[in-house]
């Protein structure tokens, strides 16, 4: 068995947009493949953004 070097320690408080900051303009496909603009779809309402990477591709 090969040994891997340890993963670097990440400070998640310093990654990504700051709490309360404007989220970048994002347009991504929804479950039906239709492109959705994040800001236009929210119509000024708040949103929780979660990116999830599936273990099975």
PDB file of N, CA and C in Angstrom:
ATOM      1  N   UNK A   1       0.829  -1.195   0.000  1.00  0.00           N
ATOM      2  CA  UNK A   1       0.000   0.000   0.000  1.00  0.00           C
ATOM      3  C   UNK A   1       0.862   1.244   0.000  1.00  0.00           C
ATOM      4  N   UNK A   2       0.455   2.203  -0.809  1.00  0.00           N
ATOM      5  CA  UNK A   2       1.189   3.461  -0.829  1.00  0.00           C
ATOM      6  C   UNK A   2       0.587   4.419   0.197  1.00  0.00           C
ATOM      7  N   UNK A   3       1.433   5.244   0.729  1.00  0.00           N
ATOM      8  CA  UNK A   3       0.939   6.245   1.679  1.00  0.00           C
ATOM      9  C   UNK A   3       0.885   7.589   0.976  1.00  0.00           C
ATOM     10  N   UNK A   4      -0.148   8.324   1.256  1.00  0.00           N
ATOM     11  CA  UNK A   4      -0.335   9.639   0.657  1.00  0.00           C
ATOM     12  C   UNK A   4       0.086  10.705   1.650  1.00  0.00           C
ATOM     13  N   UNK A   5       0.599  11.821   1.137  1.00  0.00           N
ATOM     14  CA  UNK A   5       0.920  12.913   2.063  1.00  0.00           C
ATOM     15  C   UNK A   5      -0.367  13.469   2.654  1.00  0.00           C
ATOM     16  N   UNK A   6      -0.301  14.039   3.837  1.00  0.00           N
ATOM     17  CA  UNK A   6      -1.526  14.578   4.458  1.00  0.00           C
ATOM     18  C   UNK A   6      -2.080  15.739   3.638  1.00  0.00           C
ATOM     19  N   UNK A   7      -3.386  15.891   3.658  1.00  0.00           N
ATOM     20  CA  UNK A   7      -4.041  16.999   2.967  1.00  0.00           C
ATOM     21  C   UNK A   7      -3.769  18.296   3.721  1.00  0.00           C
ATOM     22  N   UNK A   8      -3.690  19.405   3.002  1.00  0.00           N
ATOM     23  CA  UNK A   8      -3.457  20.681   3.684  1.00  0.00           C
ATOM     24  C   UNK A   8      -4.669  21.078   4.526  1.00  0.00           C
ATOM     25  N   UNK A   9      -4.410  21.791   5.586  1.00  0.00           N
ATOM     26  CA  UNK A   9      -5.477  22.298   6.439  1.00  0.00           C
ATOM     27  C   UNK A   9      -6.050  23.545   5.779  1.00  0.00           C
ATOM     28  N   UNK A  10      -7.373  23.567   5.582  1.00  0.00           N
ATOM     29  CA  UNK A  10      -8.024  24.704   4.944  1.00  0.00           C
ATOM     30  C   UNK A  10      -8.766  25.534   5.968  1.00  0.00           C
ATOM     31  N   UNK A  11      -8.634  26.837   5.851  1.00  0.00           N
ATOM     32  CA  UNK A  11      -9.389  27.760   6.688  1.00  0.00           C
ATOM     33  C   UNK A  11     -10.643  28.155   5.914  1.00  0.00           C
ATOM     34  N   UNK A  12     -11.743  27.455   6.141  1.00  0.00           N
ATOM     35  CA  UNK A  12     -12.963  27.661   5.374  1.00  0.00           C
ATOM     36  C   UNK A  12     -13.575  29.044   5.591  1.00  0.00           C
ATOM     37  N   UNK A  13     -13.187  29.733   6.630  1.00  0.00           N
ATOM     38  CA  UNK A  13     -13.682  31.096   6.856  1.00  0.00           C
ATOM     39  C   UNK A  13     -13.082  32.071   5.845  1.00  0.00           C
ATOM     40  N   UNK A  14     -12.012  31.676   5.171  1.00  0.00           N
ATOM     41  CA  UNK A  14     -11.341  32.570   4.223  1.00  0.00           C
ATOM     42  C   UNK A  14     -11.589  32.170   2.773  1.00  0.00           C
ATOM     43  N   UNK A  15     -12.421  31.157   2.538  1.00  0.00           N
ATOM     44  CA  UNK A  15     -12.699  30.677   1.183  1.00  0.00           C
ATOM     45  C   UNK A  15     -14.096  31.124   0.773  1.00  0.00           C
ATOM     46  N   UNK A  16     -14.216  31.636  -0.439  1.00  0.00           N
ATOM     47  CA  UNK A  16     -15.528  32.011  -0.958  1.00  0.00           C
ATOM     48  C   UNK A  16     -15.961  33.387  -0.518  1.00  0.00           C
ATOM     49  N   UNK A  17     -17.195  33.748  -0.914  1.00  0.00           N
ATOM     50  CA  UNK A  17     -17.709  35.078  -0.575  1.00  0.00           C
ATOM     51  C   UNK A  17     -17.919  35.229   0.938  1.00  0.00           C
ATOM     52  N   UNK A  18     -17.757  36.434   1.426  1.00  0.00           N
ATOM     53  CA  UNK A  18     -17.996  36.706   2.843  1.00  0.00           C
ATOM     54  C   UNK A  18     -19.496  36.672   3.131  1.00  0.00           C
ATOM     55  N   UNK A  19     -19.849  36.369   4.352  1.00  0.00           N
ATOM     56  CA  UNK A  19     -21.256  36.347   4.755  1.00  0.00           C
ATOM     57  C   UNK A  19     -21.856  37.718   4.515  1.00  0.00           C
ATOM     58  N   UNK A  20     -22.985  37.745   3.828  1.00  0.00           N
ATOM     59  CA  UNK A  20     -23.683  38.989   3.547  1.00  0.00           C
ATOM     60  C   UNK A  20     -23.220  39.701   2.284  1.00  0.00           C
ATOM     61  N   UNK A  21     -22.157  39.205   1.652  1.00  0.00           N
ATOM     62  CA  UNK A  21     -21.688  39.859   0.430  1.00  0.00           C
ATOM     63  C   UNK A  21     -22.537  39.428  -0.767  1.00  0.00           C
ATOM     64  N   UNK A  22     -22.461  40.207  -1.842  1.00  0.00           N
ATOM     65  CA  UNK A  22     -23.204  39.920  -3.057  1.00  0.00           C
ATOM     66  C   UNK A  22     -22.595  38.696  -3.726  1.00  0.00           C
ATOM     67  N   UNK A  23     -23.426  37.702  -4.012  1.00  0.00           N
ATOM     68  CA  UNK A  23     -22.953  36.485  -4.678  1.00  0.00           C
ATOM     69  C   UNK A  23     -22.746  36.794  -6.157  1.00  0.00           C
ATOM     70  N   UNK A  24     -21.708  36.236  -6.777  1.00  0.00           N
ATOM     71  CA  UNK A  24     -21.468  36.512  -8.201  1.00  0.00           C
ATOM     72  C   UNK A  24     -22.649  36.080  -9.061  1.00  0.00           C
ATOM     73  N   UNK A  25     -22.770  36.690 -10.239  1.00  0.00           N
ATOM     74  CA  UNK A  25     -23.810  36.283 -11.181  1.00  0.00           C
ATOM     75  C   UNK A  25     -23.539  34.847 -11.617  1.00  0.00           C
ATOM     76  N   UNK A  26     -24.559  34.006 -11.495  1.00  0.00           N
ATOM     77  CA  UNK A  26     -24.419  32.591 -11.817  1.00  0.00           C
ATOM     78  C   UNK A  26     -25.609  32.154 -12.655  1.00  0.00           C
ATOM     79  N   UNK A  27     -25.323  31.457 -13.743  1.00  0.00           N
ATOM     80  CA  UNK A  27     -26.366  30.831 -14.554  1.00  0.00           C
ATOM     81  C   UNK A  27     -25.967  29.379 -14.748  1.00  0.00           C
ATOM     82  N   UNK A  28     -26.808  28.473 -14.264  1.00  0.00           N
ATOM     83  CA  UNK A  28     -26.511  27.040 -14.319  1.00  0.00           C
ATOM     84  C   UNK A  28     -27.752  26.279 -14.754  1.00  0.00           C
ATOM     85  N   UNK A  29     -27.582  25.063 -15.285  1.00  0.00           N
ATOM     86  CA  UNK A  29     -28.749  24.269 -15.660  1.00  0.00           C
ATOM     87  C   UNK A  29     -29.443  23.692 -14.428  1.00  0.00           C
ATOM     88  N   UNK A  30     -30.788  23.652 -14.482  1.00  0.00           N
ATOM     89  CA  UNK A  30     -31.549  23.012 -13.415  1.00  0.00           C
ATOM     90  C   UNK A  30     -31.683  21.515 -13.719  1.00  0.00           C
ATOM     91  N   UNK A  31     -32.527  20.819 -12.982  1.00  0.00           N
ATOM     92  CA  UNK A  31     -32.685  19.376 -13.147  1.00  0.00           C
ATOM     93  C   UNK A  31     -33.217  18.999 -14.525  1.00  0.00           C
ATOM     94  N   UNK A  32     -33.918  19.916 -15.192  1.00  0.00           N
ATOM     95  CA  UNK A  32     -34.478  19.646 -16.515  1.00  0.00           C
ATOM     96  C   UNK A  32     -33.548  20.126 -17.632  1.00  0.00           C
ATOM     97  N   UNK A  33     -32.374  20.662 -17.277  1.00  0.00           N
ATOM     98  CA  UNK A  33     -31.420  21.128 -18.262  1.00  0.00           C
ATOM     99  C   UNK A  33     -31.644  22.559 -18.716  1.00  0.00           C
ATOM    100  N   UNK A  34     -32.643  23.244 -18.149  1.00  0.00           N
ATOM    101  CA  UNK A  34     -32.926  24.637 -18.508  1.00  0.00           C
ATOM    102  C   UNK A  34     -31.972  25.555 -17.743  1.00  0.00           C
ATOM    103  N   UNK A  35     -31.411  26.546 -18.431  1.00  0.00           N
ATOM    104  CA  UNK A  35     -30.493  27.486 -17.796  1.00  0.00           C
ATOM    105  C   UNK A  35     -31.287  28.442 -16.899  1.00  0.00           C
ATOM    106  N   UNK A  36     -30.842  28.559 -15.653  1.00  0.00           N
ATOM    107  CA  UNK A  36     -31.502  29.418 -14.666  1.00  0.00           C
ATOM    108  C   UNK A  36     -30.493  30.447 -14.181  1.00  0.00           C
ATOM    109  N   UNK A  37     -30.879  31.717 -14.237  1.00  0.00           N
ATOM    110  CA  UNK A  37     -30.059  32.807 -13.710  1.00  0.00           C
ATOM    111  C   UNK A  37     -30.398  32.963 -12.233  1.00  0.00           C
ATOM    112  N   UNK A  38     -29.412  32.820 -11.368  1.00  0.00           N
ATOM    113  CA  UNK A  38     -29.652  32.853  -9.920  1.00  0.00           C
ATOM    114  C   UNK A  38     -30.371  34.118  -9.480  1.00  0.00           C
ATOM    115  N   UNK A  39     -29.884  35.280  -9.887  1.00  0.00           N
ATOM    116  CA  UNK A  39     -30.468  36.534  -9.416  1.00  0.00           C
ATOM    117  C   UNK A  39     -31.859  36.775  -9.998  1.00  0.00           C
ATOM    118  N   UNK A  40     -32.068  36.443 -11.258  1.00  0.00           N
ATOM    119  CA  UNK A  40     -33.384  36.636 -11.882  1.00  0.00           C
ATOM    120  C   UNK A  40     -34.412  35.682 -11.269  1.00  0.00           C
ATOM    121  N   UNK A  41     -34.023  34.457 -10.982  1.00  0.00           N
ATOM    122  CA  UNK A  41     -34.952  33.465 -10.430  1.00  0.00           C
ATOM    123  C   UNK A  41     -35.380  33.816  -9.006  1.00  0.00           C
ATOM    124  N   UNK A  42     -34.515  34.465  -8.255  1.00  0.00           N
ATOM    125  CA  UNK A  42     -34.826  34.809  -6.863  1.00  0.00           C
ATOM    126  C   UNK A  42     -35.730  36.018  -6.760  1.00  0.00           C
ATOM    127  N   UNK A  43     -35.710  36.897  -7.764  1.00  0.00           N
ATOM    128  CA  UNK A  43     -36.539  38.098  -7.768  1.00  0.00           C
ATOM    129  C   UNK A  43     -36.347  38.925  -6.501  1.00  0.00           C
ATOM    130  N   UNK A  44     -35.070  39.096  -6.082  1.00  0.00           N
ATOM    131  CA  UNK A  44     -34.761  39.927  -4.925  1.00  0.00           C
ATOM    132  C   UNK A  44     -34.828  39.223  -3.586  1.00  0.00           C
ATOM    133  N   UNK A  45     -35.272  37.987  -3.550  1.00  0.00           N
ATOM    134  CA  UNK A  45     -35.354  37.244  -2.289  1.00  0.00           C
ATOM    135  C   UNK A  45     -33.990  36.647  -1.940  1.00  0.00           C
ATOM    136  N   UNK A  46     -33.799  36.325  -0.688  1.00  0.00           N
ATOM    137  CA  UNK A  46     -32.557  35.696  -0.243  1.00  0.00           C
ATOM    138  C   UNK A  46     -32.516  34.245  -0.725  1.00  0.00           C
ATOM    139  N   UNK A  47     -31.294  33.707  -0.763  1.00  0.00           N
ATOM    140  CA  UNK A  47     -31.124  32.324  -1.200  1.00  0.00           C
ATOM    141  C   UNK A  47     -30.003  31.669  -0.405  1.00  0.00           C
ATOM    142  N   UNK A  48     -30.110  30.378  -0.244  1.00  0.00           N
ATOM    143  CA  UNK A  48     -29.045  29.578   0.342  1.00  0.00           C
ATOM    144  C   UNK A  48     -28.432  28.784  -0.797  1.00  0.00           C
ATOM    145  N   UNK A  49     -27.135  28.934  -1.009  1.00  0.00           N
ATOM    146  CA  UNK A  49     -26.455  28.276  -2.112  1.00  0.00           C
ATOM    147  C   UNK A  49     -25.662  27.098  -1.558  1.00  0.00           C
ATOM    148  N   UNK A  50     -25.937  25.907  -2.077  1.00  0.00           N
ATOM    149  CA  UNK A  50     -25.237  24.700  -1.647  1.00  0.00           C
ATOM    150  C   UNK A  50     -24.719  23.991  -2.892  1.00  0.00           C
ATOM    151  N   UNK A  51     -23.433  23.771  -2.950  1.00  0.00           N
ATOM    152  CA  UNK A  51     -22.842  22.992  -4.031  1.00  0.00           C
ATOM    153  C   UNK A  51     -22.514  21.619  -3.472  1.00  0.00           C
ATOM    154  N   UNK A  52     -22.953  20.590  -4.172  1.00  0.00           N
ATOM    155  CA  UNK A  52     -22.773  19.229  -3.700  1.00  0.00           C
ATOM    156  C   UNK A  52     -22.125  18.414  -4.797  1.00  0.00           C
ATOM    157  N   UNK A  53     -21.064  17.754  -4.472  1.00  0.00           N
ATOM    158  CA  UNK A  53     -20.416  16.868  -5.432  1.00  0.00           C
ATOM    159  C   UNK A  53     -20.809  15.444  -5.111  1.00  0.00           C
ATOM    160  N   UNK A  54     -21.434  14.807  -6.062  1.00  0.00           N
ATOM    161  CA  UNK A  54     -21.881  13.429  -5.870  1.00  0.00           C
ATOM    162  C   UNK A  54     -20.695  12.483  -5.914  1.00  0.00           C
ATOM    163  N   UNK A  55     -20.762  11.415  -5.123  1.00  0.00           N
ATOM    164  CA  UNK A  55     -19.697  10.416  -5.121  1.00  0.00           C
ATOM    165  C   UNK A  55     -19.821   9.484  -6.325  1.00  0.00           C
ATOM    166  N   UNK A  56     -20.989   9.419  -6.934  1.00  0.00           N
ATOM    167  CA  UNK A  56     -21.181   8.546  -8.092  1.00  0.00           C
ATOM    168  C   UNK A  56     -21.442   9.391  -9.328  1.00  0.00           C
ATOM    169  N   UNK A  57     -20.568   9.304 -10.290  1.00  0.00           N
ATOM    170  CA  UNK A  57     -20.702  10.075 -11.527  1.00  0.00           C
ATOM    171  C   UNK A  57     -21.250   9.159 -12.533  1.00  0.00           C
TER     172      UNK A  57
END
